[in-house]
Amino acid sequence: MAKRIKFRKPLPPKPAVNKTAAEIARELKEGAASVSSYREQSLKIHGLICAKCGREFDFKDRKLLTVHHKDGNPRNNPPDGSNWENLCIFCHDDEHARGLLGDYLQGKGRGQS
């Protein structure tokens, strides 16, 4: 049976001990906003097209496009978009499944040493 991959949002930075509750709340709100803003920025830079399969999307189905971080680091969000590529949900799942399959074939899968 194929394992389903779950995508997580990047965690906000850990608050320092001497910060006020208002400062912590503001940082958390800004962190959540930056996740959506880099997605919107990537869609503007790279267009509503999947970089892998070439499928074009319009405004109503753009939710099927995701932002893939080329280096695998979701915190690496340069403003020029050089670490992003827009992938449809199917190609994005395939991209991450390739890593799992490669690990499995190299003997790094579950239950293997």
C-alpha atoms as a PDB file:
ATOM      1  CA  MET A   1       0.000   0.000   0.000  1.00  0.00           C
ATOM      2  CA  ALA A   2       1.325   3.437  -0.898  1.00  0.00           C
ATOM      3  CA  LYS A   3       2.156   5.742   1.969  1.00  0.00           C
ATOM      4  CA  ARG A   4       0.483   9.137   1.876  1.00  0.00           C
ATOM      5  CA  ILE A   5       2.778  12.114   2.271  1.00  0.00           C
ATOM      6  CA  LYS A   6       1.665  14.901   4.573  1.00  0.00           C
ATOM      7  CA  PHE A   7       2.901  18.423   3.984  1.00  0.00           C
ATOM      8  CA  ARG A   8       3.408  20.642   7.004  1.00  0.00           C
ATOM      9  CA  LYS A   9       3.663  24.375   7.301  1.00  0.00           C
ATOM     10  CA  PRO A  10       7.020  25.598   8.583  1.00  0.00           C
ATOM     11  CA  LEU A  11       7.093  26.129  12.325  1.00  0.00           C
ATOM     12  CA  PRO A  12       7.301  29.699  13.600  1.00  0.00           C
ATOM     13  CA  PRO A  13      10.524  30.656  15.351  1.00  0.00           C
ATOM     14  CA  LYS A  14      10.698  29.815  19.047  1.00  0.00           C
ATOM     15  CA  PRO A  15       9.963  32.887  21.158  1.00  0.00           C
ATOM     16  CA  ALA A  16      12.630  34.280  23.442  1.00  0.00           C
ATOM     17  CA  VAL A  17      11.949  34.181  27.156  1.00  0.00           C
ATOM     18  CA  ASN A  18      11.930  37.959  27.642  1.00  0.00           C
ATOM     19  CA  LYS A  19       9.313  38.790  24.962  1.00  0.00           C
ATOM     20  CA  THR A  20       5.849  40.051  25.812  1.00  0.00           C
ATOM     21  CA  ALA A  21       2.715  38.157  24.849  1.00  0.00           C
ATOM     22  CA  ALA A  22       1.858  40.875  22.310  1.00  0.00           C
ATOM     23  CA  GLU A  23       5.269  40.536  20.634  1.00  0.00           C
ATOM     24  CA  ILE A  24       4.924  36.755  20.476  1.00  0.00           C
ATOM     25  CA  ALA A  25       1.403  37.018  19.021  1.00  0.00           C
ATOM     26  CA  ARG A  26       2.594  39.503  16.371  1.00  0.00           C
ATOM     27  CA  GLU A  27       5.473  37.208  15.371  1.00  0.00           C
ATOM     28  CA  LEU A  28       3.141  34.236  15.061  1.00  0.00           C
ATOM     29  CA  LYS A  29       0.745  36.215  12.868  1.00  0.00           C
ATOM     30  CA  GLU A  30       3.598  37.452  10.670  1.00  0.00           C
ATOM     31  CA  GLY A  31       4.933  33.902  10.330  1.00  0.00           C
ATOM     32  CA  ALA A  32       1.565  32.625   9.119  1.00  0.00           C
ATOM     33  CA  ALA A  33       1.292  35.520   6.685  1.00  0.00           C
ATOM     34  CA  SER A  34       4.724  34.853   5.222  1.00  0.00           C
ATOM     35  CA  VAL A  35       3.730  31.298   4.264  1.00  0.00           C
ATOM     36  CA  SER A  36       0.799  32.510   2.190  1.00  0.00           C
ATOM     37  CA  SER A  37       2.687  35.490   0.822  1.00  0.00           C
ATOM     38  CA  TYR A  38       5.529  33.402  -0.612  1.00  0.00           C
ATOM     39  CA  ARG A  39       2.927  31.205  -2.320  1.00  0.00           C
ATOM     40  CA  GLU A  40       1.251  34.226  -3.867  1.00  0.00           C
ATOM     41  CA  GLN A  41       4.640  35.647  -4.827  1.00  0.00           C
ATOM     42  CA  SER A  42       5.635  32.374  -6.500  1.00  0.00           C
ATOM     43  CA  LEU A  43       2.380  32.248  -8.443  1.00  0.00           C
ATOM     44  CA  LYS A  44       3.009  35.802  -9.691  1.00  0.00           C
ATOM     45  CA  ILE A  45       6.641  35.115 -10.637  1.00  0.00           C
ATOM     46  CA  HIS A  46       6.257  31.683 -12.214  1.00  0.00           C
ATOM     47  CA  GLY A  47       2.669  31.880 -13.428  1.00  0.00           C
ATOM     48  CA  LEU A  48      -0.258  29.501 -13.047  1.00  0.00           C
ATOM     49  CA  ILE A  49       1.485  26.553 -14.687  1.00  0.00           C
ATOM     50  CA  CYS A  50       2.999  23.347 -13.330  1.00  0.00           C
ATOM     51  CA  ALA A  51       6.759  23.371 -13.880  1.00  0.00           C
ATOM     52  CA  LYS A  52       6.816  19.595 -14.280  1.00  0.00           C
ATOM     53  CA  CYS A  53       3.828  18.516 -16.391  1.00  0.00           C
ATOM     54  CA  GLY A  54       3.084  21.900 -17.991  1.00  0.00           C
ATOM     55  CA  ARG A  55      -0.596  21.899 -17.062  1.00  0.00           C
ATOM     56  CA  GLU A  56      -2.017  25.412 -17.044  1.00  0.00           C
ATOM     57  CA  PHE A  57      -4.398  26.573 -14.336  1.00  0.00           C
ATOM     58  CA  ASP A  58      -6.820  29.452 -14.123  1.00  0.00           C
ATOM     59  CA  PHE A  59      -7.919  31.520 -11.175  1.00  0.00           C
ATOM     60  CA  LYS A  60     -10.709  29.159 -10.071  1.00  0.00           C
ATOM     61  CA  ASP A  61      -8.520  26.025  -9.883  1.00  0.00           C
ATOM     62  CA  ARG A  62      -5.241  27.629  -8.800  1.00  0.00           C
ATOM     63  CA  LYS A  63      -5.629  25.907  -5.423  1.00  0.00           C
ATOM     64  CA  LEU A  64      -4.320  22.784  -7.191  1.00  0.00           C
ATOM     65  CA  LEU A  65      -0.930  24.490  -7.601  1.00  0.00           C
ATOM     66  CA  THR A  66       1.583  24.203  -4.781  1.00  0.00           C
ATOM     67  CA  VAL A  67       4.991  25.740  -4.189  1.00  0.00           C
ATOM     68  CA  HIS A  68       7.830  23.236  -4.113  1.00  0.00           C
ATOM     69  CA  HIS A  69      11.094  24.261  -2.471  1.00  0.00           C
ATOM     70  CA  LYS A  70      13.864  23.012  -4.756  1.00  0.00           C
ATOM     71  CA  ASP A  71      16.366  22.604  -1.916  1.00  0.00           C
ATOM     72  CA  GLY A  72      13.799  20.966   0.375  1.00  0.00           C
ATOM     73  CA  ASN A  73      14.008  23.775   2.944  1.00  0.00           C
ATOM     74  CA  PRO A  74      10.607  25.455   3.421  1.00  0.00           C
ATOM     75  CA  ARG A  75      12.252  28.322   5.315  1.00  0.00           C
ATOM     76  CA  ASN A  76      14.455  29.246   2.326  1.00  0.00           C
ATOM     77  CA  ASN A  77      12.221  31.781   0.582  1.00  0.00           C
ATOM     78  CA  PRO A  78      14.329  34.237  -1.422  1.00  0.00           C
ATOM     79  CA  PRO A  79      12.244  37.115  -2.817  1.00  0.00           C
ATOM     80  CA  ASP A  80      13.392  36.392  -6.391  1.00  0.00           C
ATOM     81  CA  GLY A  81      11.722  32.943  -6.260  1.00  0.00           C
ATOM     82  CA  SER A  82      14.906  31.078  -7.174  1.00  0.00           C
ATOM     83  CA  ASN A  83      14.189  28.262  -4.686  1.00  0.00           C
ATOM     84  CA  TRP A  84      10.577  27.779  -5.755  1.00  0.00           C
ATOM     85  CA  GLU A  85       8.768  25.994  -8.508  1.00  0.00           C
ATOM     86  CA  ASN A  86       5.018  25.754  -8.888  1.00  0.00           C
ATOM     87  CA  LEU A  87       3.875  22.151  -9.109  1.00  0.00           C
ATOM     88  CA  CYS A  88       0.375  20.754  -9.356  1.00  0.00           C
ATOM     89  CA  ILE A  89      -0.605  18.590  -6.395  1.00  0.00           C
ATOM     90  CA  PHE A  90      -0.031  15.413  -8.434  1.00  0.00           C
ATOM     91  CA  CYS A  91       3.507  16.348  -9.528  1.00  0.00           C
ATOM     92  CA  HIS A  92       4.324  17.634  -6.027  1.00  0.00           C
ATOM     93  CA  ASP A  93       3.321  14.297  -4.491  1.00  0.00           C
ATOM     94  CA  ASP A  94       5.358  12.506  -7.169  1.00  0.00           C
ATOM     95  CA  GLU A  95       8.398  14.690  -6.483  1.00  0.00           C
ATOM     96  CA  HIS A  96       8.385  13.833  -2.777  1.00  0.00           C
ATOM     97  CA  ALA A  97       7.566  10.157  -3.405  1.00  0.00           C
ATOM     98  CA  ARG A  98      10.711   9.861  -5.543  1.00  0.00           C
ATOM     99  CA  GLY A  99      12.839  10.592  -2.489  1.00  0.00           C
ATOM    100  CA  LEU A 100      11.020   7.948  -0.479  1.00  0.00           C
ATOM    101  CA  LEU A 101      11.392   5.405  -3.274  1.00  0.00           C
ATOM    102  CA  GLY A 102      15.089   6.237  -3.667  1.00  0.00           C
ATOM    103  CA  ASP A 103      15.668   5.769   0.058  1.00  0.00           C
ATOM    104  CA  TYR A 104      13.827   2.457  -0.027  1.00  0.00           C
ATOM    105  CA  LEU A 105      15.802   1.170  -3.008  1.00  0.00           C
ATOM    106  CA  GLN A 106      19.083   2.166  -1.325  1.00  0.00           C
ATOM    107  CA  GLY A 107      18.134   0.166   1.763  1.00  0.00           C
ATOM    108  CA  LYS A 108      17.195   3.172   3.893  1.00  0.00           C
ATOM    109  CA  GLY A 109      13.499   2.248   4.125  1.00  0.00           C
ATOM    110  CA  ARG A 110      11.645   1.238   7.262  1.00  0.00           C
ATOM    111  CA  GLY A 111      12.923  -1.823   9.024  1.00  0.00           C
ATOM    112  CA  GLN A 112      16.171  -1.821   7.061  1.00  0.00           C
ATOM    113  CA  SER A 113      19.572  -0.811   8.347  1.00  0.00           C
END
